[in-house]
Amino acid sequence: GSYQVISGYRCPATNNKLRETGGGG
């Protein structure tokens, strides 16, 4: 079967945005 992908590549801007607004991790 297929892996379900939640996140693969993340550009630096997205990573920074997720760090600022996300729930951690």
mmCIF file of all heavy atoms, coordinates in Angstrom:
data_MODEL
# 
_entry.id   MODEL 
# 
loop_
_atom_site.group_PDB 
_atom_site.id 
_atom_site.type_symbol 
_atom_site.label_atom_id 
_atom_site.label_alt_id 
_atom_site.label_comp_id 
_atom_site.label_asym_id 
_atom_site.label_entity_id 
_atom_site.label_seq_id 
_atom_site.pdbx_PDB_ins_code 
_atom_site.Cartn_x 
_atom_site.Cartn_y 
_atom_site.Cartn_z 
_atom_site.occupancy 
_atom_site.B_iso_or_equiv 
_atom_site.pdbx_formal_charge 
_atom_site.auth_seq_id 
_atom_site.auth_comp_id 
_atom_site.auth_asym_id 
_atom_site.auth_atom_id 
_atom_site.pdbx_PDB_model_num 
ATOM 1   N N   . GLY A 1 1  ? 0.805  -1.207 0.000  1.00 0.00 ? 1  GLY A N   1 
ATOM 2   C CA  . GLY A 1 1  ? 0.000  0.000  0.000  1.00 0.00 ? 1  GLY A CA  1 
ATOM 3   C C   . GLY A 1 1  ? 0.838  1.257  0.000  1.00 0.00 ? 1  GLY A C   1 
ATOM 4   O O   . GLY A 1 1  ? 2.065  1.232  -0.081 1.00 0.00 ? 1  GLY A O   1 
ATOM 5   N N   . SER A 1 2  ? 0.139  2.369  0.088  1.00 0.00 ? 2  SER A N   1 
ATOM 6   C CA  . SER A 1 2  ? 0.749  3.685  -0.049 1.00 0.00 ? 2  SER A CA  1 
ATOM 7   C C   . SER A 1 2  ? 1.028  4.326  1.300  1.00 0.00 ? 2  SER A C   1 
ATOM 8   O O   . SER A 1 2  ? 0.186  4.297  2.199  1.00 0.00 ? 2  SER A O   1 
ATOM 9   C CB  . SER A 1 2  ? -0.192 4.610  -0.824 1.00 0.00 ? 2  SER A CB  1 
ATOM 10  O OG  . SER A 1 2  ? -0.455 4.097  -2.102 1.00 0.00 ? 2  SER A OG  1 
ATOM 11  N N   . TYR A 1 3  ? 2.192  4.944  1.401  1.00 0.00 ? 3  TYR A N   1 
ATOM 12  C CA  . TYR A 1 3  ? 2.448  5.814  2.540  1.00 0.00 ? 3  TYR A CA  1 
ATOM 13  C C   . TYR A 1 3  ? 1.565  7.036  2.400  1.00 0.00 ? 3  TYR A C   1 
ATOM 14  O O   . TYR A 1 3  ? 1.417  7.578  1.307  1.00 0.00 ? 3  TYR A O   1 
ATOM 15  C CB  . TYR A 1 3  ? 3.905  6.305  2.529  1.00 0.00 ? 3  TYR A CB  1 
ATOM 16  C CG  . TYR A 1 3  ? 4.916  5.346  3.081  1.00 0.00 ? 3  TYR A CG  1 
ATOM 17  C CD1 . TYR A 1 3  ? 5.723  4.590  2.235  1.00 0.00 ? 3  TYR A CD1 1 
ATOM 18  C CD2 . TYR A 1 3  ? 5.101  5.221  4.456  1.00 0.00 ? 3  TYR A CD2 1 
ATOM 19  C CE1 . TYR A 1 3  ? 6.683  3.731  2.743  1.00 0.00 ? 3  TYR A CE1 1 
ATOM 20  C CE2 . TYR A 1 3  ? 6.058  4.358  4.967  1.00 0.00 ? 3  TYR A CE2 1 
ATOM 21  C CZ  . TYR A 1 3  ? 6.840  3.623  4.109  1.00 0.00 ? 3  TYR A CZ  1 
ATOM 22  O OH  . TYR A 1 3  ? 7.789  2.778  4.618  1.00 0.00 ? 3  TYR A OH  1 
ATOM 23  N N   . GLN A 1 4  ? 0.975  7.468  3.482  1.00 0.00 ? 4  GLN A N   1 
ATOM 24  C CA  . GLN A 1 4  ? 0.264  8.738  3.494  1.00 0.00 ? 4  GLN A CA  1 
ATOM 25  C C   . GLN A 1 4  ? 1.266  9.794  3.940  1.00 0.00 ? 4  GLN A C   1 
ATOM 26  O O   . GLN A 1 4  ? 1.847  9.698  5.020  1.00 0.00 ? 4  GLN A O   1 
ATOM 27  C CB  . GLN A 1 4  ? -0.930 8.699  4.443  1.00 0.00 ? 4  GLN A CB  1 
ATOM 28  C CG  . GLN A 1 4  ? -2.028 7.791  3.965  1.00 0.00 ? 4  GLN A CG  1 
ATOM 29  C CD  . GLN A 1 4  ? -3.205 7.750  4.928  1.00 0.00 ? 4  GLN A CD  1 
ATOM 30  O OE1 . GLN A 1 4  ? -3.102 8.140  6.089  1.00 0.00 ? 4  GLN A OE1 1 
ATOM 31  N NE2 . GLN A 1 4  ? -4.331 7.261  4.443  1.00 0.00 ? 4  GLN A NE2 1 
ATOM 32  N N   . VAL A 1 5  ? 1.472  10.800 3.091  1.00 0.00 ? 5  VAL A N   1 
ATOM 33  C CA  . VAL A 1 5  ? 2.451  11.854 3.350  1.00 0.00 ? 5  VAL A CA  1 
ATOM 34  C C   . VAL A 1 5  ? 1.761  13.044 4.001  1.00 0.00 ? 5  VAL A C   1 
ATOM 35  O O   . VAL A 1 5  ? 0.781  13.569 3.471  1.00 0.00 ? 5  VAL A O   1 
ATOM 36  C CB  . VAL A 1 5  ? 3.127  12.307 2.041  1.00 0.00 ? 5  VAL A CB  1 
ATOM 37  C CG1 . VAL A 1 5  ? 4.068  13.482 2.300  1.00 0.00 ? 5  VAL A CG1 1 
ATOM 38  C CG2 . VAL A 1 5  ? 3.849  11.154 1.380  1.00 0.00 ? 5  VAL A CG2 1 
ATOM 39  N N   . ILE A 1 6  ? 2.289  13.464 5.134  1.00 0.00 ? 6  ILE A N   1 
ATOM 40  C CA  . ILE A 1 6  ? 1.816  14.661 5.805  1.00 0.00 ? 6  ILE A CA  1 
ATOM 41  C C   . ILE A 1 6  ? 2.691  15.834 5.404  1.00 0.00 ? 6  ILE A C   1 
ATOM 42  O O   . ILE A 1 6  ? 2.204  16.921 5.125  1.00 0.00 ? 6  ILE A O   1 
ATOM 43  C CB  . ILE A 1 6  ? 1.782  14.477 7.343  1.00 0.00 ? 6  ILE A CB  1 
ATOM 44  C CG1 . ILE A 1 6  ? 0.647  13.526 7.755  1.00 0.00 ? 6  ILE A CG1 1 
ATOM 45  C CG2 . ILE A 1 6  ? 1.581  15.796 8.057  1.00 0.00 ? 6  ILE A CG2 1 
ATOM 46  C CD1 . ILE A 1 6  ? 0.920  12.093 7.577  1.00 0.00 ? 6  ILE A CD1 1 
ATOM 47  N N   . SER A 1 7  ? 4.009  15.607 5.357  1.00 0.00 ? 7  SER A N   1 
ATOM 48  C CA  . SER A 1 7  ? 4.940  16.668 4.974  1.00 0.00 ? 7  SER A CA  1 
ATOM 49  C C   . SER A 1 7  ? 6.193  16.063 4.379  1.00 0.00 ? 7  SER A C   1 
ATOM 50  O O   . SER A 1 7  ? 6.747  15.105 4.922  1.00 0.00 ? 7  SER A O   1 
ATOM 51  C CB  . SER A 1 7  ? 5.300  17.516 6.198  1.00 0.00 ? 7  SER A CB  1 
ATOM 52  O OG  . SER A 1 7  ? 6.154  18.577 5.847  1.00 0.00 ? 7  SER A OG  1 
ATOM 53  N N   . GLY A 1 8  ? 6.644  16.637 3.270  1.00 0.00 ? 8  GLY A N   1 
ATOM 54  C CA  . GLY A 1 8  ? 7.908  16.256 2.643  1.00 0.00 ? 8  GLY A CA  1 
ATOM 55  C C   . GLY A 1 8  ? 8.844  17.452 2.719  1.00 0.00 ? 8  GLY A C   1 
ATOM 56  O O   . GLY A 1 8  ? 9.208  17.909 3.802  1.00 0.00 ? 8  GLY A O   1 
ATOM 57  N N   . TYR A 1 9  ? 9.188  17.995 1.552  1.00 0.00 ? 9  TYR A N   1 
ATOM 58  C CA  . TYR A 1 9  ? 10.046 19.172 1.503  1.00 0.00 ? 9  TYR A CA  1 
ATOM 59  C C   . TYR A 1 9  ? 9.310  20.371 2.106  1.00 0.00 ? 9  TYR A C   1 
ATOM 60  O O   . TYR A 1 9  ? 8.099  20.510 1.956  1.00 0.00 ? 9  TYR A O   1 
ATOM 61  C CB  . TYR A 1 9  ? 10.446 19.493 0.052  1.00 0.00 ? 9  TYR A CB  1 
ATOM 62  C CG  . TYR A 1 9  ? 11.188 20.792 -0.066 1.00 0.00 ? 9  TYR A CG  1 
ATOM 63  C CD1 . TYR A 1 9  ? 12.516 20.888 0.352  1.00 0.00 ? 9  TYR A CD1 1 
ATOM 64  C CD2 . TYR A 1 9  ? 10.568 21.926 -0.553 1.00 0.00 ? 9  TYR A CD2 1 
ATOM 65  C CE1 . TYR A 1 9  ? 13.200 22.090 0.280  1.00 0.00 ? 9  TYR A CE1 1 
ATOM 66  C CE2 . TYR A 1 9  ? 11.238 23.132 -0.642 1.00 0.00 ? 9  TYR A CE2 1 
ATOM 67  C CZ  . TYR A 1 9  ? 12.554 23.206 -0.220 1.00 0.00 ? 9  TYR A CZ  1 
ATOM 68  O OH  . TYR A 1 9  ? 13.222 24.416 -0.287 1.00 0.00 ? 9  TYR A OH  1 
ATOM 69  N N   . ARG A 1 10 ? 10.071 21.227 2.778  1.00 0.00 ? 10 ARG A N   1 
ATOM 70  C CA  . ARG A 1 10 ? 9.535  22.461 3.342  1.00 0.00 ? 10 ARG A CA  1 
ATOM 71  C C   . ARG A 1 10 ? 10.540 23.577 3.068  1.00 0.00 ? 10 ARG A C   1 
ATOM 72  O O   . ARG A 1 10 ? 11.702 23.462 3.446  1.00 0.00 ? 10 ARG A O   1 
ATOM 73  C CB  . ARG A 1 10 ? 9.402  22.294 4.864  1.00 0.00 ? 10 ARG A CB  1 
ATOM 74  C CG  . ARG A 1 10 ? 8.132  22.821 5.440  1.00 0.00 ? 10 ARG A CG  1 
ATOM 75  C CD  . ARG A 1 10 ? 8.165  22.732 6.958  1.00 0.00 ? 10 ARG A CD  1 
ATOM 76  N NE  . ARG A 1 10 ? 7.646  21.467 7.433  1.00 0.00 ? 10 ARG A NE  1 
ATOM 77  C CZ  . ARG A 1 10 ? 8.038  20.858 8.535  1.00 0.00 ? 10 ARG A CZ  1 
ATOM 78  N NH1 . ARG A 1 10 ? 8.974  21.361 9.301  1.00 0.00 ? 10 ARG A NH1 1 
ATOM 79  N NH2 . ARG A 1 10 ? 7.491  19.716 8.898  1.00 0.00 ? 10 ARG A NH2 1 
ATOM 80  N N   . CYS A 1 11 ? 10.111 24.628 2.383  1.00 0.00 ? 11 CYS A N   1 
ATOM 81  C CA  . CYS A 1 11 ? 11.031 25.737 2.133  1.00 0.00 ? 11 CYS A CA  1 
ATOM 82  C C   . CYS A 1 11 ? 11.268 26.497 3.448  1.00 0.00 ? 11 CYS A C   1 
ATOM 83  O O   . CYS A 1 11 ? 10.462 26.407 4.386  1.00 0.00 ? 11 CYS A O   1 
ATOM 84  C CB  . CYS A 1 11 ? 10.501 26.656 1.039  1.00 0.00 ? 11 CYS A CB  1 
ATOM 85  S SG  . CYS A 1 11 ? 9.116  27.713 1.507  1.00 0.00 ? 11 CYS A SG  1 
ATOM 86  N N   . PRO A 1 12 ? 12.365 27.255 3.547  1.00 0.00 ? 12 PRO A N   1 
ATOM 87  C CA  . PRO A 1 12 ? 12.664 27.967 4.791  1.00 0.00 ? 12 PRO A CA  1 
ATOM 88  C C   . PRO A 1 12 ? 11.539 28.908 5.246  1.00 0.00 ? 12 PRO A C   1 
ATOM 89  O O   . PRO A 1 12 ? 11.253 28.986 6.447  1.00 0.00 ? 12 PRO A O   1 
ATOM 90  C CB  . PRO A 1 12 ? 13.945 28.743 4.455  1.00 0.00 ? 12 PRO A CB  1 
ATOM 91  C CG  . PRO A 1 12 ? 14.615 27.882 3.424  1.00 0.00 ? 12 PRO A CG  1 
ATOM 92  C CD  . PRO A 1 12 ? 13.474 27.330 2.594  1.00 0.00 ? 12 PRO A CD  1 
ATOM 93  N N   . ALA A 1 13 ? 10.886 29.600 4.312  1.00 0.00 ? 13 ALA A N   1 
ATOM 94  C CA  . ALA A 1 13 ? 9.803  30.514 4.701  1.00 0.00 ? 13 ALA A CA  1 
ATOM 95  C C   . ALA A 1 13 ? 8.646  29.750 5.343  1.00 0.00 ? 13 ALA A C   1 
ATOM 96  O O   . ALA A 1 13 ? 8.087  30.188 6.354  1.00 0.00 ? 13 ALA A O   1 
ATOM 97  C CB  . ALA A 1 13 ? 9.317  31.302 3.484  1.00 0.00 ? 13 ALA A CB  1 
ATOM 98  N N   . THR A 1 14 ? 8.271  28.613 4.765  1.00 0.00 ? 14 THR A N   1 
ATOM 99  C CA  . THR A 1 14 ? 7.203  27.797 5.351  1.00 0.00 ? 14 THR A CA  1 
ATOM 100 C C   . THR A 1 14 ? 7.623  27.281 6.714  1.00 0.00 ? 14 THR A C   1 
ATOM 101 O O   . THR A 1 14 ? 6.840  27.312 7.671  1.00 0.00 ? 14 THR A O   1 
ATOM 102 C CB  . THR A 1 14 ? 6.847  26.623 4.420  1.00 0.00 ? 14 THR A CB  1 
ATOM 103 O OG1 . THR A 1 14 ? 6.293  27.140 3.208  1.00 0.00 ? 14 THR A OG1 1 
ATOM 104 C CG2 . THR A 1 14 ? 5.854  25.683 5.070  1.00 0.00 ? 14 THR A CG2 1 
ATOM 105 N N   . ASN A 1 15 ? 8.854  26.811 6.823  1.00 0.00 ? 15 ASN A N   1 
ATOM 106 C CA  . ASN A 1 15 ? 9.331  26.287 8.094  1.00 0.00 ? 15 ASN A CA  1 
ATOM 107 C C   . ASN A 1 15 ? 9.256  27.362 9.181  1.00 0.00 ? 15 ASN A C   1 
ATOM 108 O O   . ASN A 1 15 ? 8.789  27.111 10.295 1.00 0.00 ? 15 ASN A O   1 
ATOM 109 C CB  . ASN A 1 15 ? 10.764 25.763 7.949  1.00 0.00 ? 15 ASN A CB  1 
ATOM 110 C CG  . ASN A 1 15 ? 11.141 24.830 9.063  1.00 0.00 ? 15 ASN A CG  1 
ATOM 111 O OD1 . ASN A 1 15 ? 10.658 23.707 9.123  1.00 0.00 ? 15 ASN A OD1 1 
ATOM 112 N ND2 . ASN A 1 15 ? 11.990 25.289 9.962  1.00 0.00 ? 15 ASN A ND2 1 
ATOM 113 N N   . ASN A 1 16 ? 9.696  28.582 8.844  1.00 0.00 ? 16 ASN A N   1 
ATOM 114 C CA  . ASN A 1 16 ? 9.639  29.690 9.813  1.00 0.00 ? 16 ASN A CA  1 
ATOM 115 C C   . ASN A 1 16 ? 8.204  30.021 10.197 1.00 0.00 ? 16 ASN A C   1 
ATOM 116 O O   . ASN A 1 16 ? 7.913  30.249 11.374 1.00 0.00 ? 16 ASN A O   1 
ATOM 117 C CB  . ASN A 1 16 ? 10.348 30.922 9.263  1.00 0.00 ? 16 ASN A CB  1 
ATOM 118 C CG  . ASN A 1 16 ? 11.846 30.750 9.220  1.00 0.00 ? 16 ASN A CG  1 
ATOM 119 O OD1 . ASN A 1 16 ? 12.413 29.940 9.950  1.00 0.00 ? 16 ASN A OD1 1 
ATOM 120 N ND2 . ASN A 1 16 ? 12.498 31.488 8.345  1.00 0.00 ? 16 ASN A ND2 1 
ATOM 121 N N   . LYS A 1 17 ? 7.315  30.043 9.212  1.00 0.00 ? 17 LYS A N   1 
ATOM 122 C CA  . LYS A 1 17 ? 5.906  30.339 9.489  1.00 0.00 ? 17 LYS A CA  1 
ATOM 123 C C   . LYS A 1 17 ? 5.307  29.290 10.429 1.00 0.00 ? 17 LYS A C   1 
ATOM 124 O O   . LYS A 1 17 ? 4.594  29.625 11.379 1.00 0.00 ? 17 LYS A O   1 
ATOM 125 C CB  . LYS A 1 17 ? 5.112  30.400 8.186  1.00 0.00 ? 17 LYS A CB  1 
ATOM 126 C CG  . LYS A 1 17 ? 3.648  30.743 8.381  1.00 0.00 ? 17 LYS A CG  1 
ATOM 127 C CD  . LYS A 1 17 ? 2.918  30.814 7.056  1.00 0.00 ? 17 LYS A CD  1 
ATOM 128 C CE  . LYS A 1 17 ? 1.458  31.090 7.283  1.00 0.00 ? 17 LYS A CE  1 
ATOM 129 N NZ  . LYS A 1 17 ? 0.708  31.090 6.026  1.00 0.00 ? 17 LYS A NZ  1 
ATOM 130 N N   . LEU A 1 18 ? 5.601  28.016 10.165 1.00 0.00 ? 18 LEU A N   1 
ATOM 131 C CA  . LEU A 1 18 ? 5.078  26.941 11.019 1.00 0.00 ? 18 LEU A CA  1 
ATOM 132 C C   . LEU A 1 18 ? 5.663  27.028 12.434 1.00 0.00 ? 18 LEU A C   1 
ATOM 133 O O   . LEU A 1 18 ? 4.976  26.734 13.404 1.00 0.00 ? 18 LEU A O   1 
ATOM 134 C CB  . LEU A 1 18 ? 5.370  25.571 10.403 1.00 0.00 ? 18 LEU A CB  1 
ATOM 135 C CG  . LEU A 1 18 ? 4.600  25.251 9.119  1.00 0.00 ? 18 LEU A CG  1 
ATOM 136 C CD1 . LEU A 1 18 ? 5.104  23.942 8.513  1.00 0.00 ? 18 LEU A CD1 1 
ATOM 137 C CD2 . LEU A 1 18 ? 3.110  25.201 9.364  1.00 0.00 ? 18 LEU A CD2 1 
ATOM 138 N N   . ARG A 1 19 ? 6.920  27.429 12.546 1.00 0.00 ? 19 ARG A N   1 
ATOM 139 C CA  . ARG A 1 19 ? 7.528  27.596 13.874 1.00 0.00 ? 19 ARG A CA  1 
ATOM 140 C C   . ARG A 1 19 ? 6.823  28.700 14.653 1.00 0.00 ? 19 ARG A C   1 
ATOM 141 O O   . ARG A 1 19 ? 6.609  28.585 15.849 1.00 0.00 ? 19 ARG A O   1 
ATOM 142 C CB  . ARG A 1 19 ? 9.015  27.944 13.751 1.00 0.00 ? 19 ARG A CB  1 
ATOM 143 C CG  . ARG A 1 19 ? 9.898  26.748 13.505 1.00 0.00 ? 19 ARG A CG  1 
ATOM 144 C CD  . ARG A 1 19 ? 11.366 27.108 13.457 1.00 0.00 ? 19 ARG A CD  1 
ATOM 145 N NE  . ARG A 1 19 ? 11.843 27.864 14.591 1.00 0.00 ? 19 ARG A NE  1 
ATOM 146 C CZ  . ARG A 1 19 ? 12.093 27.367 15.809 1.00 0.00 ? 19 ARG A CZ  1 
ATOM 147 N NH1 . ARG A 1 19 ? 11.890 26.089 16.024 1.00 0.00 ? 19 ARG A NH1 1 
ATOM 148 N NH2 . ARG A 1 19 ? 12.555 28.126 16.772 1.00 0.00 ? 19 ARG A NH2 1 
ATOM 149 N N   . GLU A 1 20 ? 6.462  29.779 13.965 1.00 0.00 ? 20 GLU A N   1 
ATOM 150 C CA  . GLU A 1 20 ? 5.836  30.925 14.618 1.00 0.00 ? 20 GLU A CA  1 
ATOM 151 C C   . GLU A 1 20 ? 4.371  30.677 14.964 1.00 0.00 ? 20 GLU A C   1 
ATOM 152 O O   . GLU A 1 20 ? 3.887  31.174 15.970 1.00 0.00 ? 20 GLU A O   1 
ATOM 153 C CB  . GLU A 1 20 ? 5.939  32.160 13.726 1.00 0.00 ? 20 GLU A CB  1 
ATOM 154 C CG  . GLU A 1 20 ? 7.358  32.651 13.549 1.00 0.00 ? 20 GLU A CG  1 
ATOM 155 C CD  . GLU A 1 20 ? 7.491  33.697 12.447 1.00 0.00 ? 20 GLU A CD  1 
ATOM 156 O OE1 . GLU A 1 20 ? 6.460  34.083 11.841 1.00 0.00 ? 20 GLU A OE1 1 
ATOM 157 O OE2 . GLU A 1 20 ? 8.635  34.109 12.179 1.00 0.00 ? 20 GLU A OE2 1 
ATOM 158 N N   . THR A 1 21 ? 3.669  29.936 14.133 1.00 0.00 ? 21 THR A N   1 
ATOM 159 C CA  . THR A 1 21 ? 2.226  29.784 14.314 1.00 0.00 ? 21 THR A CA  1 
ATOM 160 C C   . THR A 1 21 ? 1.789  28.391 14.726 1.00 0.00 ? 21 THR A C   1 
ATOM 161 O O   . THR A 1 21 ? 0.647  28.203 15.133 1.00 0.00 ? 21 THR A O   1 
ATOM 162 C CB  . THR A 1 21 ? 1.472  30.149 13.012 1.00 0.00 ? 21 THR A CB  1 
ATOM 163 O OG1 . THR A 1 21 ? 1.886  29.250 11.981 1.00 0.00 ? 21 THR A OG1 1 
ATOM 164 C CG2 . THR A 1 21 ? 1.747  31.574 12.592 1.00 0.00 ? 21 THR A CG2 1 
ATOM 165 N N   . GLY A 1 22 ? 2.678  27.409 14.584 1.00 0.00 ? 22 GLY A N   1 
ATOM 166 C CA  . GLY A 1 22 ? 2.312  26.020 14.838 1.00 0.00 ? 22 GLY A CA  1 
ATOM 167 C C   . GLY A 1 22 ? 2.272  25.678 16.305 1.00 0.00 ? 22 GLY A C   1 
ATOM 168 O O   . GLY A 1 22 ? 2.567  26.484 17.190 1.00 0.00 ? 22 GLY A O   1 
ATOM 169 N N   . GLY A 1 23 ? 1.917  24.432 16.553 1.00 0.00 ? 23 GLY A N   1 
ATOM 170 C CA  . GLY A 1 23 ? 1.801  23.946 17.920 1.00 0.00 ? 23 GLY A CA  1 
ATOM 171 C C   . GLY A 1 23 ? 3.065  23.276 18.418 1.00 0.00 ? 23 GLY A C   1 
ATOM 172 O O   . GLY A 1 23 ? 3.015  22.461 19.318 1.00 0.00 ? 23 GLY A O   1 
ATOM 173 N N   . GLY A 1 24 ? 4.212  23.597 17.826 1.00 0.00 ? 24 GLY A N   1 
ATOM 174 C CA  . GLY A 1 24 ? 5.465  22.986 18.273 1.00 0.00 ? 24 GLY A CA  1 
ATOM 175 C C   . GLY A 1 24 ? 5.879  21.850 17.373 1.00 0.00 ? 24 GLY A C   1 
ATOM 176 O O   . GLY A 1 24 ? 5.173  21.457 16.454 1.00 0.00 ? 24 GLY A O   1 
ATOM 177 N N   . GLY A 1 25 ? 7.079  21.341 17.627 1.00 0.00 ? 25 GLY A N   1 
ATOM 178 C CA  . GLY A 1 25 ? 7.587  20.215 16.865 1.00 0.00 ? 25 GLY A CA  1 
ATOM 179 C C   . GLY A 1 25 ? 8.266  20.587 15.562 1.00 0.00 ? 25 GLY A C   1 
ATOM 180 O O   . GLY A 1 25 ? 8.681  19.711 14.828 1.00 0.00 ? 25 GLY A O   1 
# 
